[in-house]
Amino acid sequence: MFNLVLFGPPGSGKGTQATNLIEKYKLVHLSTGDLLRNEIANKTPLGLEAKKIMDAGQLVPDEVVIGIIDNCLEKMLMQMGFYLMVFHAP
């Protein structure tokens, strides 16, 4: 399995480069911005929490973003016939 993470400020070309890499290497693209918007639109518990934080003009904490990514990965694996069990240390 190959994992690639693109970091950069808004407008730096992350999306453009991601599109090029996805097409060339047939990769799966997870955009935290897209995932957040989807969770908010679907009014999930994490989406509602993220919206409240964003409406207050704050950045969504890592714990919420990681939870949203975890949910997305679980859904993807279940669609592929796999189940992922994640244990978080206390």
PDB file of N, CA and C in Angstrom:
ATOM      1  N   MET A   1       0.847  -1.171   0.000  1.00  0.00           N
ATOM      2  CA  MET A   1       0.000   0.000   0.000  1.00  0.00           C
ATOM      3  C   MET A   1       0.896   1.239   0.000  1.00  0.00           C
ATOM      4  N   PHE A   2       0.528   2.199  -0.798  1.00  0.00           N
ATOM      5  CA  PHE A   2       1.292   3.431  -0.930  1.00  0.00           C
ATOM      6  C   PHE A   2       0.445   4.572  -0.391  1.00  0.00           C
ATOM      7  N   ASN A   3       0.995   5.338   0.533  1.00  0.00           N
ATOM      8  CA  ASN A   3       0.303   6.502   1.088  1.00  0.00           C
ATOM      9  C   ASN A   3       1.080   7.761   0.745  1.00  0.00           C
ATOM     10  N   LEU A   4       0.377   8.774   0.322  1.00  0.00           N
ATOM     11  CA  LEU A   4       0.988  10.046  -0.026  1.00  0.00           C
ATOM     12  C   LEU A   4       0.146  11.149   0.591  1.00  0.00           C
ATOM     13  N   VAL A   5       0.794  12.068   1.282  1.00  0.00           N
ATOM     14  CA  VAL A   5       0.102  13.185   1.904  1.00  0.00           C
ATOM     15  C   VAL A   5       0.672  14.476   1.324  1.00  0.00           C
ATOM     16  N   LEU A   6      -0.204  15.350   0.848  1.00  0.00           N
ATOM     17  CA  LEU A   6       0.223  16.642   0.316  1.00  0.00           C
ATOM     18  C   LEU A   6      -0.153  17.721   1.322  1.00  0.00           C
ATOM     19  N   PHE A   7       0.816  18.501   1.723  1.00  0.00           N
ATOM     20  CA  PHE A   7       0.595  19.606   2.656  1.00  0.00           C
ATOM     21  C   PHE A   7       0.892  20.921   1.951  1.00  0.00           C
ATOM     22  N   GLY A   8       0.198  21.952   2.355  1.00  0.00           N
ATOM     23  CA  GLY A   8       0.485  23.273   1.822  1.00  0.00           C
ATOM     24  C   GLY A   8      -0.659  24.218   2.124  1.00  0.00           C
ATOM     25  N   PRO A   9      -0.377  25.508   2.049  1.00  0.00           N
ATOM     26  CA  PRO A   9      -1.415  26.506   2.311  1.00  0.00           C
ATOM     27  C   PRO A   9      -2.431  26.538   1.174  1.00  0.00           C
ATOM     28  N   PRO A  10      -3.586  27.160   1.414  1.00  0.00           N
ATOM     29  CA  PRO A  10      -4.579  27.296   0.349  1.00  0.00           C
ATOM     30  C   PRO A  10      -3.966  27.942  -0.890  1.00  0.00           C
ATOM     31  N   GLY A  11      -4.313  27.396  -2.040  1.00  0.00           N
ATOM     32  CA  GLY A  11      -3.833  27.967  -3.301  1.00  0.00           C
ATOM     33  C   GLY A  11      -2.436  27.539  -3.706  1.00  0.00           C
ATOM     34  N   SER A  12      -1.832  26.607  -2.966  1.00  0.00           N
ATOM     35  CA  SER A  12      -0.459  26.202  -3.277  1.00  0.00           C
ATOM     36  C   SER A  12      -0.379  25.121  -4.345  1.00  0.00           C
ATOM     37  N   GLY A  13      -1.529  24.573  -4.760  1.00  0.00           N
ATOM     38  CA  GLY A  13      -1.520  23.574  -5.833  1.00  0.00           C
ATOM     39  C   GLY A  13      -1.722  22.141  -5.367  1.00  0.00           C
ATOM     40  N   LYS A  14      -2.108  21.939  -4.117  1.00  0.00           N
ATOM     41  CA  LYS A  14      -2.317  20.581  -3.601  1.00  0.00           C
ATOM     42  C   LYS A  14      -3.371  19.843  -4.426  1.00  0.00           C
ATOM     43  N   GLY A  15      -4.491  20.500  -4.664  1.00  0.00           N
ATOM     44  CA  GLY A  15      -5.579  19.872  -5.411  1.00  0.00           C
ATOM     45  C   GLY A  15      -5.181  19.555  -6.839  1.00  0.00           C
ATOM     46  N   THR A  16      -4.461  20.473  -7.464  1.00  0.00           N
ATOM     47  CA  THR A  16      -4.005  20.260  -8.840  1.00  0.00           C
ATOM     48  C   THR A  16      -3.069  19.066  -8.916  1.00  0.00           C
ATOM     49  N   GLN A  17      -2.101  19.021  -8.007  1.00  0.00           N
ATOM     50  CA  GLN A  17      -1.157  17.905  -8.005  1.00  0.00           C
ATOM     51  C   GLN A  17      -1.845  16.592  -7.644  1.00  0.00           C
ATOM     52  N   ALA A  18      -2.797  16.653  -6.710  1.00  0.00           N
ATOM     53  CA  ALA A  18      -3.531  15.445  -6.331  1.00  0.00           C
ATOM     54  C   ALA A  18      -4.280  14.889  -7.540  1.00  0.00           C
ATOM     55  N   THR A  19      -4.937  15.760  -8.293  1.00  0.00           N
ATOM     56  CA  THR A  19      -5.667  15.319  -9.483  1.00  0.00           C
ATOM     57  C   THR A  19      -4.738  14.633 -10.469  1.00  0.00           C
ATOM     58  N   ASN A  20      -3.567  15.212 -10.693  1.00  0.00           N
ATOM     59  CA  ASN A  20      -2.596  14.620 -11.618  1.00  0.00           C
ATOM     60  C   ASN A  20      -2.128  13.244 -11.132  1.00  0.00           C
ATOM     61  N   LEU A  21      -1.837  13.142  -9.846  1.00  0.00           N
ATOM     62  CA  LEU A  21      -1.366  11.875  -9.277  1.00  0.00           C
ATOM     63  C   LEU A  21      -2.451  10.805  -9.296  1.00  0.00           C
ATOM     64  N   ILE A  22      -3.683  11.213  -8.999  1.00  0.00           N
ATOM     65  CA  ILE A  22      -4.813  10.274  -8.999  1.00  0.00           C
ATOM     66  C   ILE A  22      -4.999   9.671 -10.384  1.00  0.00           C
ATOM     67  N   GLU A  23      -4.983  10.538 -11.389  1.00  0.00           N
ATOM     68  CA  GLU A  23      -5.172  10.065 -12.763  1.00  0.00           C
ATOM     69  C   GLU A  23      -4.026   9.164 -13.207  1.00  0.00           C
ATOM     70  N   LYS A  24      -2.800   9.572 -12.923  1.00  0.00           N
ATOM     71  CA  LYS A  24      -1.638   8.820 -13.408  1.00  0.00           C
ATOM     72  C   LYS A  24      -1.487   7.465 -12.713  1.00  0.00           C
ATOM     73  N   TYR A  25      -1.703   7.430 -11.389  1.00  0.00           N
ATOM     74  CA  TYR A  25      -1.436   6.215 -10.626  1.00  0.00           C
ATOM     75  C   TYR A  25      -2.693   5.503 -10.127  1.00  0.00           C
ATOM     76  N   LYS A  26      -3.882   5.993 -10.532  1.00  0.00           N
ATOM     77  CA  LYS A  26      -5.155   5.381 -10.131  1.00  0.00           C
ATOM     78  C   LYS A  26      -5.268   5.269  -8.610  1.00  0.00           C
ATOM     79  N   LEU A  27      -5.033   6.367  -7.917  1.00  0.00           N
ATOM     80  CA  LEU A  27      -5.065   6.413  -6.456  1.00  0.00           C
ATOM     81  C   LEU A  27      -6.438   6.836  -5.953  1.00  0.00           C
ATOM     82  N   VAL A  28      -6.679   6.602  -4.679  1.00  0.00           N
ATOM     83  CA  VAL A  28      -7.887   7.075  -4.017  1.00  0.00           C
ATOM     84  C   VAL A  28      -7.532   8.391  -3.341  1.00  0.00           C
ATOM     85  N   HIS A  29      -8.387   9.387  -3.509  1.00  0.00           N
ATOM     86  CA  HIS A  29      -8.119  10.725  -2.981  1.00  0.00           C
ATOM     87  C   HIS A  29      -9.044  11.010  -1.813  1.00  0.00           C
ATOM     88  N   LEU A  30      -8.462  11.321  -0.664  1.00  0.00           N
ATOM     89  CA  LEU A  30      -9.237  11.750   0.499  1.00  0.00           C
ATOM     90  C   LEU A  30      -8.874  13.199   0.788  1.00  0.00           C
ATOM     91  N   SER A  31      -9.832  14.071   0.644  1.00  0.00           N
ATOM     92  CA  SER A  31      -9.633  15.485   0.928  1.00  0.00           C
ATOM     93  C   SER A  31     -10.343  15.802   2.230  1.00  0.00           C
ATOM     94  N   THR A  32      -9.605  16.277   3.218  1.00  0.00           N
ATOM     95  CA  THR A  32     -10.233  16.581   4.505  1.00  0.00           C
ATOM     96  C   THR A  32     -11.302  17.666   4.347  1.00  0.00           C
ATOM     97  N   GLY A  33     -11.076  18.611   3.461  1.00  0.00           N
ATOM     98  CA  GLY A  33     -12.080  19.650   3.221  1.00  0.00           C
ATOM     99  C   GLY A  33     -13.366  19.052   2.668  1.00  0.00           C
ATOM    100  N   ASP A  34     -13.237  18.155   1.678  1.00  0.00           N
ATOM    101  CA  ASP A  34     -14.407  17.491   1.104  1.00  0.00           C
ATOM    102  C   ASP A  34     -15.101  16.623   2.145  1.00  0.00           C
ATOM    103  N   LEU A  35     -14.307  15.904   2.937  1.00  0.00           N
ATOM    104  CA  LEU A  35     -14.877  15.037   3.969  1.00  0.00           C
ATOM    105  C   LEU A  35     -15.635  15.859   5.011  1.00  0.00           C
ATOM    106  N   LEU A  36     -15.055  16.988   5.422  1.00  0.00           N
ATOM    107  CA  LEU A  36     -15.732  17.863   6.386  1.00  0.00           C
ATOM    108  C   LEU A  36     -17.050  18.387   5.821  1.00  0.00           C
ATOM    109  N   ARG A  37     -17.023  18.866   4.592  1.00  0.00           N
ATOM    110  CA  ARG A  37     -18.251  19.390   3.968  1.00  0.00           C
ATOM    111  C   ARG A  37     -19.315  18.297   3.863  1.00  0.00           C
ATOM    112  N   ASN A  38     -18.899  17.072   3.540  1.00  0.00           N
ATOM    113  CA  ASN A  38     -19.829  15.957   3.416  1.00  0.00           C
ATOM    114  C   ASN A  38     -20.440  15.609   4.774  1.00  0.00           C
ATOM    115  N   GLU A  39     -19.617  15.568   5.819  1.00  0.00           N
ATOM    116  CA  GLU A  39     -20.119  15.266   7.166  1.00  0.00           C
ATOM    117  C   GLU A  39     -21.105  16.343   7.632  1.00  0.00           C
ATOM    118  N   ILE A  40     -20.796  17.600   7.329  1.00  0.00           N
ATOM    119  CA  ILE A  40     -21.682  18.710   7.706  1.00  0.00           C
ATOM    120  C   ILE A  40     -23.003  18.606   6.932  1.00  0.00           C
ATOM    121  N   ALA A  41     -22.911  18.346   5.637  1.00  0.00           N
ATOM    122  CA  ALA A  41     -24.120  18.230   4.807  1.00  0.00           C
ATOM    123  C   ALA A  41     -25.008  17.073   5.268  1.00  0.00           C
ATOM    124  N   ASN A  42     -24.385  15.981   5.722  1.00  0.00           N
ATOM    125  CA  ASN A  42     -25.138  14.806   6.170  1.00  0.00           C
ATOM    126  C   ASN A  42     -25.547  14.896   7.640  1.00  0.00           C
ATOM    127  N   LYS A  43     -25.153  15.993   8.282  1.00  0.00           N
ATOM    128  CA  LYS A  43     -25.515  16.252   9.680  1.00  0.00           C
ATOM    129  C   LYS A  43     -25.152  15.095  10.612  1.00  0.00           C
ATOM    130  N   THR A  44     -23.946  14.548  10.397  1.00  0.00           N
ATOM    131  CA  THR A  44     -23.461  13.503  11.287  1.00  0.00           C
ATOM    132  C   THR A  44     -23.019  14.153  12.601  1.00  0.00           C
ATOM    133  N   PRO A  45     -22.870  13.367  13.666  1.00  0.00           N
ATOM    134  CA  PRO A  45     -22.402  13.956  14.928  1.00  0.00           C
ATOM    135  C   PRO A  45     -21.071  14.703  14.776  1.00  0.00           C
ATOM    136  N   LEU A  46     -20.117  14.103  14.064  1.00  0.00           N
ATOM    137  CA  LEU A  46     -18.835  14.791  13.868  1.00  0.00           C
ATOM    138  C   LEU A  46     -19.001  16.015  12.980  1.00  0.00           C
ATOM    139  N   GLY A  47     -19.876  15.925  11.980  1.00  0.00           N
ATOM    140  CA  GLY A  47     -20.120  17.065  11.106  1.00  0.00           C
ATOM    141  C   GLY A  47     -20.746  18.229  11.858  1.00  0.00           C
ATOM    142  N   LEU A  48     -21.698  17.933  12.743  1.00  0.00           N
ATOM    143  CA  LEU A  48     -22.324  18.992  13.539  1.00  0.00           C
ATOM    144  C   LEU A  48     -21.318  19.629  14.498  1.00  0.00           C
ATOM    145  N   GLU A  49     -20.447  18.791  15.066  1.00  0.00           N
ATOM    146  CA  GLU A  49     -19.405  19.334  15.956  1.00  0.00           C
ATOM    147  C   GLU A  49     -18.456  20.231  15.177  1.00  0.00           C
ATOM    148  N   ALA A  50     -18.044  19.761  13.982  1.00  0.00           N
ATOM    149  CA  ALA A  50     -17.133  20.551  13.151  1.00  0.00           C
ATOM    150  C   ALA A  50     -17.780  21.876  12.742  1.00  0.00           C
ATOM    151  N   LYS A  51     -19.057  21.837  12.376  1.00  0.00           N
ATOM    152  CA  LYS A  51     -19.761  23.064  11.954  1.00  0.00           C
ATOM    153  C   LYS A  51     -19.809  24.079  13.085  1.00  0.00           C
ATOM    154  N   LYS A  52     -20.102  23.621  14.289  1.00  0.00           N
ATOM    155  CA  LYS A  52     -20.159  24.521  15.439  1.00  0.00           C
ATOM    156  C   LYS A  52     -18.803  25.215  15.640  1.00  0.00           C
ATOM    157  N   ILE A  53     -17.749  24.457  15.514  1.00  0.00           N
ATOM    158  CA  ILE A  53     -16.394  25.001  15.695  1.00  0.00           C
ATOM    159  C   ILE A  53     -16.064  25.977  14.569  1.00  0.00           C
ATOM    160  N   MET A  54     -16.381  25.588  13.332  1.00  0.00           N
ATOM    161  CA  MET A  54     -16.091  26.447  12.177  1.00  0.00           C
ATOM    162  C   MET A  54     -16.909  27.731  12.230  1.00  0.00           C
ATOM    163  N   ASP A  55     -18.180  27.625  12.642  1.00  0.00           N
ATOM    164  CA  ASP A  55     -19.037  28.814  12.750  1.00  0.00           C
ATOM    165  C   ASP A  55     -18.509  29.797  13.789  1.00  0.00           C
ATOM    166  N   ALA A  56     -17.758  29.277  14.773  1.00  0.00           N
ATOM    167  CA  ALA A  56     -17.156  30.138  15.791  1.00  0.00           C
ATOM    168  C   ALA A  56     -15.833  30.730  15.301  1.00  0.00           C
ATOM    169  N   GLY A  57     -15.468  30.416  14.041  1.00  0.00           N
ATOM    170  CA  GLY A  57     -14.248  30.967  13.460  1.00  0.00           C
ATOM    171  C   GLY A  57     -12.984  30.273  13.903  1.00  0.00           C
ATOM    172  N   GLN A  58     -13.114  29.058  14.422  1.00  0.00           N
ATOM    173  CA  GLN A  58     -11.945  28.312  14.892  1.00  0.00           C
ATOM    174  C   GLN A  58     -11.611  27.184  13.927  1.00  0.00           C
ATOM    175  N   LEU A  59     -10.397  26.666  14.056  1.00  0.00           N
ATOM    176  CA  LEU A  59      -9.980  25.508  13.271  1.00  0.00           C
ATOM    177  C   LEU A  59     -10.535  24.246  13.906  1.00  0.00           C
ATOM    178  N   VAL A  60     -10.952  23.316  13.066  1.00  0.00           N
ATOM    179  CA  VAL A  60     -11.467  22.044  13.566  1.00  0.00           C
ATOM    180  C   VAL A  60     -10.296  21.257  14.146  1.00  0.00           C
ATOM    181  N   PRO A  61     -10.415  20.783  15.394  1.00  0.00           N
ATOM    182  CA  PRO A  61      -9.307  20.080  16.033  1.00  0.00           C
ATOM    183  C   PRO A  61      -8.970  18.762  15.329  1.00  0.00           C
ATOM    184  N   ASP A  62      -7.717  18.358  15.481  1.00  0.00           N
ATOM    185  CA  ASP A  62      -7.242  17.121  14.866  1.00  0.00           C
ATOM    186  C   ASP A  62      -8.117  15.928  15.230  1.00  0.00           C
ATOM    187  N   GLU A  63      -8.584  15.862  16.475  1.00  0.00           N
ATOM    188  CA  GLU A  63      -9.371  14.713  16.914  1.00  0.00           C
ATOM    189  C   GLU A  63     -10.636  14.557  16.074  1.00  0.00           C
ATOM    190  N   VAL A  64     -11.264  15.666  15.739  1.00  0.00           N
ATOM    191  CA  VAL A  64     -12.495  15.624  14.935  1.00  0.00           C
ATOM    192  C   VAL A  64     -12.160  15.224  13.504  1.00  0.00           C
ATOM    193  N   VAL A  65     -11.126  15.820  12.930  1.00  0.00           N
ATOM    194  CA  VAL A  65     -10.727  15.502  11.555  1.00  0.00           C
ATOM    195  C   VAL A  65     -10.309  14.032  11.461  1.00  0.00           C
ATOM    196  N   ILE A  66      -9.551  13.555  12.424  1.00  0.00           N
ATOM    197  CA  ILE A  66      -9.122  12.148  12.420  1.00  0.00           C
ATOM    198  C   ILE A  66     -10.335  11.229  12.529  1.00  0.00           C
ATOM    199  N   GLY A  67     -11.313  11.605  13.343  1.00  0.00           N
ATOM    200  CA  GLY A  67     -12.540  10.820  13.441  1.00  0.00           C
ATOM    201  C   GLY A  67     -13.270  10.744  12.117  1.00  0.00           C
ATOM    202  N   ILE A  68     -13.314  11.849  11.396  1.00  0.00           N
ATOM    203  CA  ILE A  68     -13.972  11.879  10.090  1.00  0.00           C
ATOM    204  C   ILE A  68     -13.216  11.007   9.092  1.00  0.00           C
ATOM    205  N   ILE A  69     -11.892  11.064   9.118  1.00  0.00           N
ATOM    206  CA  ILE A  69     -11.085  10.218   8.230  1.00  0.00           C
ATOM    207  C   ILE A  69     -11.289   8.750   8.583  1.00  0.00           C
ATOM    208  N   ASP A  70     -11.285   8.430   9.879  1.00  0.00           N
ATOM    209  CA  ASP A  70     -11.530   7.045  10.317  1.00  0.00           C
ATOM    210  C   ASP A  70     -12.854   6.529   9.762  1.00  0.00           C
ATOM    211  N   ASN A  71     -13.910   7.344   9.877  1.00  0.00           N
ATOM    212  CA  ASN A  71     -15.222   6.943   9.370  1.00  0.00           C
ATOM    213  C   ASN A  71     -15.179   6.671   7.872  1.00  0.00           C
ATOM    214  N   CYS A  72     -14.500   7.525   7.138  1.00  0.00           N
ATOM    215  CA  CYS A  72     -14.397   7.366   5.691  1.00  0.00           C
ATOM    216  C   CYS A  72     -13.652   6.085   5.337  1.00  0.00           C
ATOM    217  N   LEU A  73     -12.536   5.833   6.019  1.00  0.00           N
ATOM    218  CA  LEU A  73     -11.757   4.629   5.736  1.00  0.00           C
ATOM    219  C   LEU A  73     -12.545   3.372   6.075  1.00  0.00           C
ATOM    220  N   GLU A  74     -13.280   3.393   7.163  1.00  0.00           N
ATOM    221  CA  GLU A  74     -14.110   2.240   7.525  1.00  0.00           C
ATOM    222  C   GLU A  74     -15.153   1.965   6.450  1.00  0.00           C
ATOM    223  N   LYS A  75     -15.812   3.021   5.956  1.00  0.00           N
ATOM    224  CA  LYS A  75     -16.812   2.845   4.905  1.00  0.00           C
ATOM    225  C   LYS A  75     -16.184   2.276   3.643  1.00  0.00           C
ATOM    226  N   MET A  76     -15.005   2.790   3.267  1.00  0.00           N
ATOM    227  CA  MET A  76     -14.326   2.310   2.068  1.00  0.00           C
ATOM    228  C   MET A  76     -13.964   0.835   2.204  1.00  0.00           C
ATOM    229  N   LEU A  77     -13.432   0.445   3.354  1.00  0.00           N
ATOM    230  CA  LEU A  77     -13.036  -0.942   3.554  1.00  0.00           C
ATOM    231  C   LEU A  77     -14.247  -1.872   3.570  1.00  0.00           C
ATOM    232  N   MET A  78     -15.332  -1.424   4.177  1.00  0.00           N
ATOM    233  CA  MET A  78     -16.535  -2.251   4.205  1.00  0.00           C
ATOM    234  C   MET A  78     -17.095  -2.443   2.793  1.00  0.00           C
ATOM    235  N   GLN A  79     -17.001  -1.414   1.961  1.00  0.00           N
ATOM    236  CA  GLN A  79     -17.465  -1.533   0.578  1.00  0.00           C
ATOM    237  C   GLN A  79     -16.602  -2.518  -0.206  1.00  0.00           C
ATOM    238  N   MET A  80     -15.331  -2.636   0.199  1.00  0.00           N
ATOM    239  CA  MET A  80     -14.411  -3.558  -0.469  1.00  0.00           C
ATOM    240  C   MET A  80     -14.480  -4.957   0.154  1.00  0.00           C
ATOM    241  N   GLY A  81     -15.281  -5.115   1.200  1.00  0.00           N
ATOM    242  CA  GLY A  81     -15.393  -6.423   1.827  1.00  0.00           C
ATOM    243  C   GLY A  81     -14.431  -6.640   2.975  1.00  0.00           C
ATOM    244  N   PHE A  82     -13.849  -5.581   3.496  1.00  0.00           N
ATOM    245  CA  PHE A  82     -12.941  -5.663   4.623  1.00  0.00           C
ATOM    246  C   PHE A  82     -13.552  -4.942   5.807  1.00  0.00           C
ATOM    247  N   TYR A  83     -13.129  -5.326   6.990  1.00  0.00           N
ATOM    248  CA  TYR A  83     -13.560  -4.617   8.187  1.00  0.00           C
ATOM    249  C   TYR A  83     -12.320  -4.172   8.939  1.00  0.00           C
ATOM    250  N   LEU A  84     -12.291  -2.933   9.342  1.00  0.00           N
ATOM    251  CA  LEU A  84     -11.150  -2.364  10.064  1.00  0.00           C
ATOM    252  C   LEU A  84     -11.574  -2.081  11.496  1.00  0.00           C
ATOM    253  N   MET A  85     -10.807  -2.613  12.435  1.00  0.00           N
ATOM    254  CA  MET A  85     -11.065  -2.341  13.831  1.00  0.00           C
ATOM    255  C   MET A  85      -9.879  -1.520  14.355  1.00  0.00           C
ATOM    256  N   VAL A  86     -10.168  -0.333  14.851  1.00  0.00           N
ATOM    257  CA  VAL A  86      -9.119   0.567  15.315  1.00  0.00           C
ATOM    258  C   VAL A  86      -9.242   0.711  16.834  1.00  0.00           C
ATOM    259  N   PHE A  87      -8.150   0.489  17.523  1.00  0.00           N
ATOM    260  CA  PHE A  87      -8.117   0.662  18.961  1.00  0.00           C
ATOM    261  C   PHE A  87      -7.279   1.892  19.262  1.00  0.00           C
ATOM    262  N   HIS A  88      -7.843   2.823  19.993  1.00  0.00           N
ATOM    263  CA  HIS A  88      -7.122   4.032  20.364  1.00  0.00           C
ATOM    264  C   HIS A  88      -6.640   3.888  21.803  1.00  0.00           C
ATOM    265  N   ALA A  89      -5.394   4.215  22.038  1.00  0.00           N
ATOM    266  CA  ALA A  89      -4.843   4.154  23.387  1.00  0.00           C
ATOM    267  C   ALA A  89      -5.490   5.223  24.252  1.00  0.00           C
ATOM    268  N   PRO A  90      -5.733   4.909  25.513  1.00  0.00           N
ATOM    269  CA  PRO A  90      -6.363   5.912  26.411  1.00  0.00           C
ATOM    270  C   PRO A  90      -5.433   7.070  26.697  1.00  0.00           C
TER     271      PRO A  90
END
